[in-house]
Amino acid sequence: MSTLTVNRSDLTGQELADLLRSRLGPGYNVLPGLRTSRKPLAKPRPATADTVLVGRGSNRLFCAHVTIAHRAGRVELEITPGGLGWETAVNSLRLVRKIRRLLSEMSETPGR
């Protein structure tokens, strides 16, 4: 799991989903209210409104989810790769890094 702190205490799951959808582009599925499953080839599972699933294809192998954790005036974004074996490593190296980079850019942009 990768954690990133942003200075917006009012960030919502829908805002996060909209931001990721606009920055990742059409090749990605961005689904608020869902999370990855730790079972091989399992479908995404329901989650809180502050969790967003990001995936490619059927979301069964190549996916990660981002959870908003509210902490004393700031927000921590917890990025968790999906998968159980080799796909966890692939998701950590590719998808989690990409999401983290995009969210880091968002937290550095003035007025956001």
PDB file of N, CA and C in Angstrom:
ATOM      1  N   MET A   1       0.846  -1.174   0.000  1.00  0.00           N
ATOM      2  CA  MET A   1       0.000   0.000   0.000  1.00  0.00           C
ATOM      3  C   MET A   1       0.889   1.234   0.000  1.00  0.00           C
ATOM      4  N   SER A   2       0.486   2.225  -0.748  1.00  0.00           N
ATOM      5  CA  SER A   2       1.172   3.505  -0.825  1.00  0.00           C
ATOM      6  C   SER A   2       0.244   4.569  -0.250  1.00  0.00           C
ATOM      7  N   THR A   3       0.781   5.483   0.537  1.00  0.00           N
ATOM      8  CA  THR A   3      -0.029   6.535   1.148  1.00  0.00           C
ATOM      9  C   THR A   3       0.498   7.893   0.728  1.00  0.00           C
ATOM     10  N   LEU A   4      -0.426   8.782   0.411  1.00  0.00           N
ATOM     11  CA  LEU A   4      -0.094  10.132  -0.020  1.00  0.00           C
ATOM     12  C   LEU A   4      -0.963  11.102   0.769  1.00  0.00           C
ATOM     13  N   THR A   5      -0.368  12.136   1.348  1.00  0.00           N
ATOM     14  CA  THR A   5      -1.120  13.135   2.108  1.00  0.00           C
ATOM     15  C   THR A   5      -1.392  14.344   1.222  1.00  0.00           C
ATOM     16  N   VAL A   6      -2.635  14.798   1.215  1.00  0.00           N
ATOM     17  CA  VAL A   6      -3.008  16.006   0.483  1.00  0.00           C
ATOM     18  C   VAL A   6      -3.594  17.003   1.474  1.00  0.00           C
ATOM     19  N   ASN A   7      -3.519  18.264   1.123  1.00  0.00           N
ATOM     20  CA  ASN A   7      -3.947  19.321   2.033  1.00  0.00           C
ATOM     21  C   ASN A   7      -5.405  19.721   1.869  1.00  0.00           C
ATOM     22  N   ARG A   8      -6.208  18.835   1.337  1.00  0.00           N
ATOM     23  CA  ARG A   8      -7.643  19.106   1.186  1.00  0.00           C
ATOM     24  C   ARG A   8      -8.410  18.210   2.130  1.00  0.00           C
ATOM     25  N   SER A   9      -8.995  18.797   3.150  1.00  0.00           N
ATOM     26  CA  SER A   9      -9.738  17.992   4.119  1.00  0.00           C
ATOM     27  C   SER A   9     -11.156  17.685   3.652  1.00  0.00           C
ATOM     28  N   ASP A  10     -11.605  18.330   2.568  1.00  0.00           N
ATOM     29  CA  ASP A  10     -12.980  18.172   2.103  1.00  0.00           C
ATOM     30  C   ASP A  10     -13.108  17.298   0.855  1.00  0.00           C
ATOM     31  N   LEU A  11     -12.059  16.590   0.480  1.00  0.00           N
ATOM     32  CA  LEU A  11     -12.081  15.760  -0.720  1.00  0.00           C
ATOM     33  C   LEU A  11     -13.071  14.608  -0.557  1.00  0.00           C
ATOM     34  N   THR A  12     -13.901  14.393  -1.579  1.00  0.00           N
ATOM     35  CA  THR A  12     -14.877  13.300  -1.544  1.00  0.00           C
ATOM     36  C   THR A  12     -14.487  12.209  -2.535  1.00  0.00           C
ATOM     37  N   GLY A  13     -15.084  11.054  -2.376  1.00  0.00           N
ATOM     38  CA  GLY A  13     -14.837   9.945  -3.286  1.00  0.00           C
ATOM     39  C   GLY A  13     -15.236  10.281  -4.713  1.00  0.00           C
ATOM     40  N   GLN A  14     -16.341  10.979  -4.885  1.00  0.00           N
ATOM     41  CA  GLN A  14     -16.789  11.341  -6.236  1.00  0.00           C
ATOM     42  C   GLN A  14     -15.828  12.323  -6.884  1.00  0.00           C
ATOM     43  N   GLU A  15     -15.329  13.308  -6.115  1.00  0.00           N
ATOM     44  CA  GLU A  15     -14.341  14.246  -6.657  1.00  0.00           C
ATOM     45  C   GLU A  15     -13.057  13.521  -7.056  1.00  0.00           C
ATOM     46  N   LEU A  16     -12.636  12.589  -6.219  1.00  0.00           N
ATOM     47  CA  LEU A  16     -11.444  11.797  -6.518  1.00  0.00           C
ATOM     48  C   LEU A  16     -11.659  10.974  -7.792  1.00  0.00           C
ATOM     49  N   ALA A  17     -12.821  10.353  -7.914  1.00  0.00           N
ATOM     50  CA  ALA A  17     -13.133   9.561  -9.102  1.00  0.00           C
ATOM     51  C   ALA A  17     -13.140  10.439 -10.354  1.00  0.00           C
ATOM     52  N   ASP A  18     -13.749  11.603 -10.275  1.00  0.00           N
ATOM     53  CA  ASP A  18     -13.790  12.517 -11.421  1.00  0.00           C
ATOM     54  C   ASP A  18     -12.387  12.955 -11.825  1.00  0.00           C
ATOM     55  N   LEU A  19     -11.560  13.259 -10.844  1.00  0.00           N
ATOM     56  CA  LEU A  19     -10.191  13.682 -11.114  1.00  0.00           C
ATOM     57  C   LEU A  19      -9.398  12.556 -11.792  1.00  0.00           C
ATOM     58  N   LEU A  20      -9.474  11.359 -11.236  1.00  0.00           N
ATOM     59  CA  LEU A  20      -8.760  10.225 -11.815  1.00  0.00           C
ATOM     60  C   LEU A  20      -9.269   9.915 -13.224  1.00  0.00           C
ATOM     61  N   ARG A  21     -10.565   9.952 -13.405  1.00  0.00           N
ATOM     62  CA  ARG A  21     -11.154   9.668 -14.722  1.00  0.00           C
ATOM     63  C   ARG A  21     -10.639  10.655 -15.773  1.00  0.00           C
ATOM     64  N   SER A  22     -10.582  11.935 -15.412  1.00  0.00           N
ATOM     65  CA  SER A  22     -10.142  12.949 -16.375  1.00  0.00           C
ATOM     66  C   SER A  22      -8.653  12.867 -16.672  1.00  0.00           C
ATOM     67  N   ARG A  23      -7.855  12.461 -15.698  1.00  0.00           N
ATOM     68  CA  ARG A  23      -6.406  12.421 -15.891  1.00  0.00           C
ATOM     69  C   ARG A  23      -5.899  11.095 -16.458  1.00  0.00           C
ATOM     70  N   LEU A  24      -6.579  10.003 -16.168  1.00  0.00           N
ATOM     71  CA  LEU A  24      -6.124   8.698 -16.660  1.00  0.00           C
ATOM     72  C   LEU A  24      -6.537   8.448 -18.104  1.00  0.00           C
ATOM     73  N   GLY A  25      -7.683   8.955 -18.492  1.00  0.00           N
ATOM     74  CA  GLY A  25      -8.120   8.789 -19.871  1.00  0.00           C
ATOM     75  C   GLY A  25      -9.049   7.600 -20.073  1.00  0.00           C
ATOM     76  N   PRO A  26      -9.455   7.366 -21.323  1.00  0.00           N
ATOM     77  CA  PRO A  26     -10.491   6.384 -21.630  1.00  0.00           C
ATOM     78  C   PRO A  26     -10.083   4.919 -21.478  1.00  0.00           C
ATOM     79  N   GLY A  27      -8.813   4.604 -21.375  1.00  0.00           N
ATOM     80  CA  GLY A  27      -8.393   3.214 -21.246  1.00  0.00           C
ATOM     81  C   GLY A  27      -8.564   2.642 -19.846  1.00  0.00           C
ATOM     82  N   TYR A  28      -9.003   3.472 -18.905  1.00  0.00           N
ATOM     83  CA  TYR A  28      -9.130   3.050 -17.511  1.00  0.00           C
ATOM     84  C   TYR A  28     -10.582   3.092 -17.054  1.00  0.00           C
ATOM     85  N   ASN A  29     -10.944   2.175 -16.189  1.00  0.00           N
ATOM     86  CA  ASN A  29     -12.249   2.181 -15.539  1.00  0.00           C
ATOM     87  C   ASN A  29     -12.053   2.806 -14.160  1.00  0.00           C
ATOM     88  N   VAL A  30     -12.807   3.830 -13.862  1.00  0.00           N
ATOM     89  CA  VAL A  30     -12.740   4.485 -12.559  1.00  0.00           C
ATOM     90  C   VAL A  30     -14.128   4.370 -11.940  1.00  0.00           C
ATOM     91  N   LEU A  31     -14.232   3.592 -10.860  1.00  0.00           N
ATOM     92  CA  LEU A  31     -15.527   3.228 -10.300  1.00  0.00           C
ATOM     93  C   LEU A  31     -15.603   3.555  -8.806  1.00  0.00           C
ATOM     94  N   PRO A  32     -16.305   4.638  -8.440  1.00  0.00           N
ATOM     95  CA  PRO A  32     -16.439   4.958  -7.020  1.00  0.00           C
ATOM     96  C   PRO A  32     -17.287   3.918  -6.298  1.00  0.00           C
ATOM     97  N   GLY A  33     -16.986   3.721  -5.014  1.00  0.00           N
ATOM     98  CA  GLY A  33     -17.774   2.803  -4.197  1.00  0.00           C
ATOM     99  C   GLY A  33     -17.424   1.339  -4.367  1.00  0.00           C
ATOM    100  N   LEU A  34     -16.307   1.047  -5.057  1.00  0.00           N
ATOM    101  CA  LEU A  34     -15.851  -0.337  -5.231  1.00  0.00           C
ATOM    102  C   LEU A  34     -14.396  -0.449  -4.823  1.00  0.00           C
ATOM    103  N   ARG A  35     -13.973  -1.676  -4.479  1.00  0.00           N
ATOM    104  CA  ARG A  35     -12.591  -1.944  -4.122  1.00  0.00           C
ATOM    105  C   ARG A  35     -12.150  -3.258  -4.737  1.00  0.00           C
ATOM    106  N   THR A  36     -10.852  -3.505  -4.696  1.00  0.00           N
ATOM    107  CA  THR A  36     -10.316  -4.745  -5.235  1.00  0.00           C
ATOM    108  C   THR A  36     -10.648  -5.905  -4.308  1.00  0.00           C
ATOM    109  N   SER A  37     -10.558  -7.088  -4.855  1.00  0.00           N
ATOM    110  CA  SER A  37     -10.759  -8.301  -4.071  1.00  0.00           C
ATOM    111  C   SER A  37      -9.433  -9.043  -4.005  1.00  0.00           C
ATOM    112  N   ARG A  38      -9.158  -9.719  -2.923  1.00  0.00           N
ATOM    113  CA  ARG A  38      -7.919 -10.493  -2.781  1.00  0.00           C
ATOM    114  C   ARG A  38      -8.066 -11.924  -3.285  1.00  0.00           C
ATOM    115  N   LYS A  39      -9.201 -12.279  -3.829  1.00  0.00           N
ATOM    116  CA  LYS A  39      -9.401 -13.611  -4.393  1.00  0.00           C
ATOM    117  C   LYS A  39      -9.011 -13.591  -5.862  1.00  0.00           C
ATOM    118  N   PRO A  40      -8.354 -14.625  -6.342  1.00  0.00           N
ATOM    119  CA  PRO A  40      -7.951 -14.655  -7.747  1.00  0.00           C
ATOM    120  C   PRO A  40      -9.147 -14.524  -8.696  1.00  0.00           C
ATOM    121  N   LEU A  41      -9.019 -13.630  -9.642  1.00  0.00           N
ATOM    122  CA  LEU A  41     -10.015 -13.386 -10.691  1.00  0.00           C
ATOM    123  C   LEU A  41     -11.410 -13.041 -10.180  1.00  0.00           C
ATOM    124  N   ALA A  42     -11.513 -12.561  -8.937  1.00  0.00           N
ATOM    125  CA  ALA A  42     -12.812 -12.187  -8.369  1.00  0.00           C
ATOM    126  C   ALA A  42     -13.236 -10.811  -8.875  1.00  0.00           C
ATOM    127  N   LYS A  43     -14.520 -10.589  -8.897  1.00  0.00           N
ATOM    128  CA  LYS A  43     -15.059  -9.290  -9.274  1.00  0.00           C
ATOM    129  C   LYS A  43     -14.782  -8.279  -8.159  1.00  0.00           C
ATOM    130  N   PRO A  44     -14.790  -6.970  -8.486  1.00  0.00           N
ATOM    131  CA  PRO A  44     -14.626  -5.950  -7.454  1.00  0.00           C
ATOM    132  C   PRO A  44     -15.730  -6.065  -6.401  1.00  0.00           C
ATOM    133  N   ARG A  45     -15.414  -5.631  -5.179  1.00  0.00           N
ATOM    134  CA  ARG A  45     -16.370  -5.703  -4.069  1.00  0.00           C
ATOM    135  C   ARG A  45     -16.900  -4.320  -3.721  1.00  0.00           C
ATOM    136  N   PRO A  46     -18.110  -4.245  -3.188  1.00  0.00           N
ATOM    137  CA  PRO A  46     -18.634  -2.961  -2.729  1.00  0.00           C
ATOM    138  C   PRO A  46     -17.768  -2.402  -1.600  1.00  0.00           C
ATOM    139  N   ALA A  47     -17.697  -1.082  -1.529  1.00  0.00           N
ATOM    140  CA  ALA A  47     -16.908  -0.404  -0.503  1.00  0.00           C
ATOM    141  C   ALA A  47     -17.614   0.886  -0.108  1.00  0.00           C
ATOM    142  N   THR A  48     -16.994   1.656   0.751  1.00  0.00           N
ATOM    143  CA  THR A  48     -17.555   2.938   1.172  1.00  0.00           C
ATOM    144  C   THR A  48     -17.511   3.937   0.019  1.00  0.00           C
ATOM    145  N   ALA A  49     -18.213   5.034   0.182  1.00  0.00           N
ATOM    146  CA  ALA A  49     -18.232   6.083  -0.844  1.00  0.00           C
ATOM    147  C   ALA A  49     -16.871   6.751  -0.994  1.00  0.00           C
ATOM    148  N   ASP A  50     -15.992   6.598  -0.018  1.00  0.00           N
ATOM    149  CA  ASP A  50     -14.662   7.192  -0.063  1.00  0.00           C
ATOM    150  C   ASP A  50     -13.620   6.260  -0.671  1.00  0.00           C
ATOM    151  N   THR A  51     -14.035   5.230  -1.365  1.00  0.00           N
ATOM    152  CA  THR A  51     -13.117   4.298  -2.026  1.00  0.00           C
ATOM    153  C   THR A  51     -13.407   4.298  -3.520  1.00  0.00           C
ATOM    154  N   VAL A  52     -12.343   4.324  -4.317  1.00  0.00           N
ATOM    155  CA  VAL A  52     -12.468   4.370  -5.776  1.00  0.00           C
ATOM    156  C   VAL A  52     -11.601   3.267  -6.374  1.00  0.00           C
ATOM    157  N   LEU A  53     -12.209   2.429  -7.210  1.00  0.00           N
ATOM    158  CA  LEU A  53     -11.486   1.379  -7.922  1.00  0.00           C
ATOM    159  C   LEU A  53     -10.997   1.924  -9.255  1.00  0.00           C
ATOM    160  N   VAL A  54      -9.745   1.645  -9.576  1.00  0.00           N
ATOM    161  CA  VAL A  54      -9.180   2.008 -10.875  1.00  0.00           C
ATOM    162  C   VAL A  54      -8.701   0.709 -11.507  1.00  0.00           C
ATOM    163  N   GLY A  55      -9.148   0.448 -12.722  1.00  0.00           N
ATOM    164  CA  GLY A  55      -8.753  -0.800 -13.363  1.00  0.00           C
ATOM    165  C   GLY A  55      -8.677  -0.681 -14.862  1.00  0.00           C
ATOM    166  N   ARG A  56      -8.194  -1.759 -15.462  1.00  0.00           N
ATOM    167  CA  ARG A  56      -8.129  -1.883 -16.920  1.00  0.00           C
ATOM    168  C   ARG A  56      -8.790  -3.193 -17.292  1.00  0.00           C
ATOM    169  N   GLY A  57      -9.429  -3.215 -18.416  1.00  0.00           N
ATOM    170  CA  GLY A  57     -10.093  -4.442 -18.854  1.00  0.00           C
ATOM    171  C   GLY A  57     -11.263  -4.779 -17.954  1.00  0.00           C
ATOM    172  N   SER A  58     -11.301  -6.003 -17.448  1.00  0.00           N
ATOM    173  CA  SER A  58     -12.415  -6.450 -16.614  1.00  0.00           C
ATOM    174  C   SER A  58     -12.245  -6.067 -15.152  1.00  0.00           C
ATOM    175  N   ASN A  59     -11.160  -5.390 -14.800  1.00  0.00           N
ATOM    176  CA  ASN A  59     -10.833  -4.991 -13.424  1.00  0.00           C
ATOM    177  C   ASN A  59     -10.491  -6.179 -12.544  1.00  0.00           C
ATOM    178  N   ARG A  60     -10.303  -7.349 -13.105  1.00  0.00           N
ATOM    179  CA  ARG A  60     -10.036  -8.531 -12.285  1.00  0.00           C
ATOM    180  C   ARG A  60      -8.546  -8.755 -12.053  1.00  0.00           C
ATOM    181  N   LEU A  61      -7.708  -8.405 -13.000  1.00  0.00           N
ATOM    182  CA  LEU A  61      -6.262  -8.590 -12.825  1.00  0.00           C
ATOM    183  C   LEU A  61      -5.536  -7.282 -12.597  1.00  0.00           C
ATOM    184  N   PHE A  62      -5.808  -6.309 -13.437  1.00  0.00           N
ATOM    185  CA  PHE A  62      -5.044  -5.077 -13.390  1.00  0.00           C
ATOM    186  C   PHE A  62      -5.887  -3.972 -12.766  1.00  0.00           C
ATOM    187  N   CYS A  63      -5.730  -3.823 -11.452  1.00  0.00           N
ATOM    188  CA  CYS A  63      -6.544  -2.855 -10.724  1.00  0.00           C
ATOM    189  C   CYS A  63      -5.851  -2.423  -9.432  1.00  0.00           C
ATOM    190  N   ALA A  64      -6.359  -1.340  -8.894  1.00  0.00           N
ATOM    191  CA  ALA A  64      -5.939  -0.832  -7.593  1.00  0.00           C
ATOM    192  C   ALA A  64      -7.111  -0.024  -7.061  1.00  0.00           C
ATOM    193  N   HIS A  65      -7.148   0.188  -5.753  1.00  0.00           N
ATOM    194  CA  HIS A  65      -8.177   1.077  -5.247  1.00  0.00           C
ATOM    195  C   HIS A  65      -7.543   2.143  -4.367  1.00  0.00           C
ATOM    196  N   VAL A  66      -8.199   3.306  -4.344  1.00  0.00           N
ATOM    197  CA  VAL A  66      -7.746   4.443  -3.558  1.00  0.00           C
ATOM    198  C   VAL A  66      -8.809   4.709  -2.507  1.00  0.00           C
ATOM    199  N   THR A  67      -8.382   4.773  -1.245  1.00  0.00           N
ATOM    200  CA  THR A  67      -9.297   5.046  -0.136  1.00  0.00           C
ATOM    201  C   THR A  67      -8.924   6.380   0.498  1.00  0.00           C
ATOM    202  N   ILE A  68      -9.921   7.210   0.737  1.00  0.00           N
ATOM    203  CA  ILE A  68      -9.715   8.492   1.399  1.00  0.00           C
ATOM    204  C   ILE A  68      -9.820   8.272   2.902  1.00  0.00           C
ATOM    205  N   ALA A  69      -8.755   8.629   3.622  1.00  0.00           N
ATOM    206  CA  ALA A  69      -8.752   8.537   5.083  1.00  0.00           C
ATOM    207  C   ALA A  69      -8.630   9.952   5.642  1.00  0.00           C
ATOM    208  N   HIS A  70      -9.668  10.407   6.337  1.00  0.00           N
ATOM    209  CA  HIS A  70      -9.662  11.756   6.909  1.00  0.00           C
ATOM    210  C   HIS A  70      -8.896  11.746   8.222  1.00  0.00           C
ATOM    211  N   ARG A  71      -7.893  12.612   8.315  1.00  0.00           N
ATOM    212  CA  ARG A  71      -7.041  12.701   9.495  1.00  0.00           C
ATOM    213  C   ARG A  71      -6.837  14.165   9.880  1.00  0.00           C
ATOM    214  N   ALA A  72      -7.348  14.590  10.985  1.00  0.00           N
ATOM    215  CA  ALA A  72      -7.094  15.911  11.589  1.00  0.00           C
ATOM    216  C   ALA A  72      -6.733  17.022  10.596  1.00  0.00           C
ATOM    217  N   GLY A  73      -7.681  17.459   9.791  1.00  0.00           N
ATOM    218  CA  GLY A  73      -7.484  18.583   8.898  1.00  0.00           C
ATOM    219  C   GLY A  73      -6.772  18.275   7.589  1.00  0.00           C
ATOM    220  N   ARG A  74      -6.499  17.036   7.334  1.00  0.00           N
ATOM    221  CA  ARG A  74      -5.876  16.654   6.065  1.00  0.00           C
ATOM    222  C   ARG A  74      -6.462  15.326   5.616  1.00  0.00           C
ATOM    223  N   VAL A  75      -6.104  14.953   4.414  1.00  0.00           N
ATOM    224  CA  VAL A  75      -6.592  13.693   3.860  1.00  0.00           C
ATOM    225  C   VAL A  75      -5.392  12.839   3.468  1.00  0.00           C
ATOM    226  N   GLU A  76      -5.448  11.564   3.819  1.00  0.00           N
ATOM    227  CA  GLU A  76      -4.450  10.611   3.349  1.00  0.00           C
ATOM    228  C   GLU A  76      -5.132   9.715   2.324  1.00  0.00           C
ATOM    229  N   LEU A  77      -4.494   9.575   1.173  1.00  0.00           N
ATOM    230  CA  LEU A  77      -5.000   8.717   0.115  1.00  0.00           C
ATOM    231  C   LEU A  77      -4.195   7.427   0.160  1.00  0.00           C
ATOM    232  N   GLU A  78      -4.874   6.337   0.450  1.00  0.00           N
ATOM    233  CA  GLU A  78      -4.229   5.034   0.546  1.00  0.00           C
ATOM    234  C   GLU A  78      -4.467   4.280  -0.761  1.00  0.00           C
ATOM    235  N   ILE A  79      -3.400   3.977  -1.471  1.00  0.00           N
ATOM    236  CA  ILE A  79      -3.489   3.321  -2.777  1.00  0.00           C
ATOM    237  C   ILE A  79      -3.056   1.866  -2.602  1.00  0.00           C
ATOM    238  N   THR A  80      -3.981   0.958  -2.855  1.00  0.00           N
ATOM    239  CA  THR A  80      -3.743  -0.467  -2.628  1.00  0.00           C
ATOM    240  C   THR A  80      -3.824  -1.224  -3.952  1.00  0.00           C
ATOM    241  N   PRO A  81      -2.768  -1.968  -4.317  1.00  0.00           N
ATOM    242  CA  PRO A  81      -2.826  -2.737  -5.561  1.00  0.00           C
ATOM    243  C   PRO A  81      -3.742  -3.937  -5.421  1.00  0.00           C
ATOM    244  N   GLY A  82      -4.353  -4.325  -6.513  1.00  0.00           N
ATOM    245  CA  GLY A  82      -5.163  -5.535  -6.532  1.00  0.00           C
ATOM    246  C   GLY A  82      -4.320  -6.734  -6.864  1.00  0.00           C
ATOM    247  N   GLY A  83      -4.898  -7.886  -6.686  1.00  0.00           N
ATOM    248  CA  GLY A  83      -4.214  -9.118  -7.038  1.00  0.00           C
ATOM    249  C   GLY A  83      -3.764  -9.913  -5.833  1.00  0.00           C
ATOM    250  N   LEU A  84      -3.282 -11.103  -6.117  1.00  0.00           N
ATOM    251  CA  LEU A  84      -2.870 -12.009  -5.054  1.00  0.00           C
ATOM    252  C   LEU A  84      -1.433 -12.476  -5.233  1.00  0.00           C
ATOM    253  N   GLY A  85      -0.963 -12.603  -6.445  1.00  0.00           N
ATOM    254  CA  GLY A  85       0.379 -13.111  -6.701  1.00  0.00           C
ATOM    255  C   GLY A  85       1.162 -12.155  -7.572  1.00  0.00           C
ATOM    256  N   TRP A  86       1.552 -12.627  -8.755  1.00  0.00           N
ATOM    257  CA  TRP A  86       2.339 -11.809  -9.676  1.00  0.00           C
ATOM    258  C   TRP A  86       1.631 -10.528 -10.068  1.00  0.00           C
ATOM    259  N   GLU A  87       0.292 -10.584 -10.128  1.00  0.00           N
ATOM    260  CA  GLU A  87      -0.444  -9.384 -10.551  1.00  0.00           C
ATOM    261  C   GLU A  87      -0.350  -8.266  -9.515  1.00  0.00           C
ATOM    262  N   THR A  88      -0.163  -8.599  -8.233  1.00  0.00           N
ATOM    263  CA  THR A  88       0.033  -7.569  -7.211  1.00  0.00           C
ATOM    264  C   THR A  88       1.318  -6.801  -7.495  1.00  0.00           C
ATOM    265  N   ALA A  89       2.376  -7.513  -7.842  1.00  0.00           N
ATOM    266  CA  ALA A  89       3.644  -6.858  -8.155  1.00  0.00           C
ATOM    267  C   ALA A  89       3.510  -5.973  -9.391  1.00  0.00           C
ATOM    268  N   VAL A  90       2.852  -6.483 -10.416  1.00  0.00           N
ATOM    269  CA  VAL A  90       2.649  -5.693 -11.634  1.00  0.00           C
ATOM    270  C   VAL A  90       1.817  -4.450 -11.332  1.00  0.00           C
ATOM    271  N   ASN A  91       0.747  -4.615 -10.573  1.00  0.00           N
ATOM    272  CA  ASN A  91      -0.100  -3.472 -10.232  1.00  0.00           C
ATOM    273  C   ASN A  91       0.646  -2.452  -9.377  1.00  0.00           C
ATOM    274  N   SER A  92       1.504  -2.920  -8.476  1.00  0.00           N
ATOM    275  CA  SER A  92       2.297  -2.006  -7.643  1.00  0.00           C
ATOM    276  C   SER A  92       3.284  -1.211  -8.487  1.00  0.00           C
ATOM    277  N   LEU A  93       3.938  -1.890  -9.407  1.00  0.00           N
ATOM    278  CA  LEU A  93       4.960  -1.229 -10.213  1.00  0.00           C
ATOM    279  C   LEU A  93       4.394  -0.314 -11.283  1.00  0.00           C
ATOM    280  N   ARG A  94       3.218  -0.626 -11.790  1.00  0.00           N
ATOM    281  CA  ARG A  94       2.687   0.172 -12.893  1.00  0.00           C
ATOM    282  C   ARG A  94       1.518   1.044 -12.473  1.00  0.00           C
ATOM    283  N   LEU A  95       0.423   0.432 -12.082  1.00  0.00           N
ATOM    284  CA  LEU A  95      -0.802   1.189 -11.832  1.00  0.00           C
ATOM    285  C   LEU A  95      -0.711   2.048 -10.577  1.00  0.00           C
ATOM    286  N   VAL A  96      -0.227   1.499  -9.475  1.00  0.00           N
ATOM    287  CA  VAL A  96      -0.124   2.281  -8.237  1.00  0.00           C
ATOM    288  C   VAL A  96       0.819   3.465  -8.432  1.00  0.00           C
ATOM    289  N   ARG A  97       1.939   3.240  -9.104  1.00  0.00           N
ATOM    290  CA  ARG A  97       2.864   4.348  -9.364  1.00  0.00           C
ATOM    291  C   ARG A  97       2.226   5.439 -10.210  1.00  0.00           C
ATOM    292  N   LYS A  98       1.468   5.037 -11.220  1.00  0.00           N
ATOM    293  CA  LYS A  98       0.818   6.012 -12.094  1.00  0.00           C
ATOM    294  C   LYS A  98      -0.218   6.824 -11.315  1.00  0.00           C
ATOM    295  N   ILE A  99      -1.035   6.147 -10.523  1.00  0.00           N
ATOM    296  CA  ILE A  99      -2.050   6.835  -9.720  1.00  0.00           C
ATOM    297  C   ILE A  99      -1.378   7.784  -8.736  1.00  0.00           C
ATOM    298  N   ARG A 100      -0.342   7.303  -8.054  1.00  0.00           N
ATOM    299  CA  ARG A 100       0.367   8.136  -7.081  1.00  0.00           C
ATOM    300  C   ARG A 100       0.952   9.387  -7.743  1.00  0.00           C
ATOM    301  N   ARG A 101       1.545   9.220  -8.920  1.00  0.00           N
ATOM    302  CA  ARG A 101       2.119  10.364  -9.626  1.00  0.00           C
ATOM    303  C   ARG A 101       1.035  11.395  -9.967  1.00  0.00           C
ATOM    304  N   LEU A 102      -0.100  10.933 -10.478  1.00  0.00           N
ATOM    305  CA  LEU A 102      -1.187  11.848 -10.821  1.00  0.00           C
ATOM    306  C   LEU A 102      -1.726  12.572  -9.585  1.00  0.00           C
ATOM    307  N   LEU A 103      -1.886  11.830  -8.490  1.00  0.00           N
ATOM    308  CA  LEU A 103      -2.407  12.440  -7.271  1.00  0.00           C
ATOM    309  C   LEU A 103      -1.383  13.380  -6.634  1.00  0.00           C
ATOM    310  N   SER A 104      -0.104  13.078  -6.771  1.00  0.00           N
ATOM    311  CA  SER A 104       0.949  13.976  -6.273  1.00  0.00           C
ATOM    312  C   SER A 104       0.912  15.295  -7.028  1.00  0.00           C
ATOM    313  N   GLU A 105       0.737  15.217  -8.332  1.00  0.00           N
ATOM    314  CA  GLU A 105       0.631  16.435  -9.144  1.00  0.00           C
ATOM    315  C   GLU A 105      -0.574  17.257  -8.713  1.00  0.00           C
ATOM    316  N   MET A 106      -1.683  16.582  -8.390  1.00  0.00           N
ATOM    317  CA  MET A 106      -2.888  17.282  -7.943  1.00  0.00           C
ATOM    318  C   MET A 106      -2.619  18.018  -6.635  1.00  0.00           C
ATOM    319  N   SER A 107      -1.915  17.380  -5.714  1.00  0.00           N
ATOM    320  CA  SER A 107      -1.701  17.996  -4.399  1.00  0.00           C
ATOM    321  C   SER A 107      -0.711  19.152  -4.474  1.00  0.00           C
ATOM    322  N   GLU A 108       0.104  19.204  -5.540  1.00  0.00           N
ATOM    323  CA  GLU A 108       1.070  20.282  -5.703  1.00  0.00           C
ATOM    324  C   GLU A 108       0.496  21.455  -6.491  1.00  0.00           C
ATOM    325  N   THR A 109      -0.651  21.264  -7.149  1.00  0.00           N
ATOM    326  CA  THR A 109      -1.250  22.307  -7.972  1.00  0.00           C
ATOM    327  C   THR A 109      -1.936  23.332  -7.077  1.00  0.00           C
ATOM    328  N   PRO A 110      -1.561  24.634  -7.207  1.00  0.00           N
ATOM    329  CA  PRO A 110      -2.212  25.662  -6.407  1.00  0.00           C
ATOM    330  C   PRO A 110      -3.705  25.749  -6.714  1.00  0.00           C
ATOM    331  N   GLY A 111      -4.493  26.027  -5.712  1.00  0.00           N
ATOM    332  CA  GLY A 111      -5.932  26.185  -5.887  1.00  0.00           C
ATOM    333  C   GLY A 111      -6.695  24.897  -5.878  1.00  0.00           C
ATOM    334  N   ARG A 112      -6.063  23.788  -5.650  1.00  0.00           N
ATOM    335  CA  ARG A 112      -6.736  22.496  -5.598  1.00  0.00           C
ATOM    336  C   ARG A 112      -6.834  22.034  -4.192  1.00  0.00           C
TER     337      ARG A 112
END
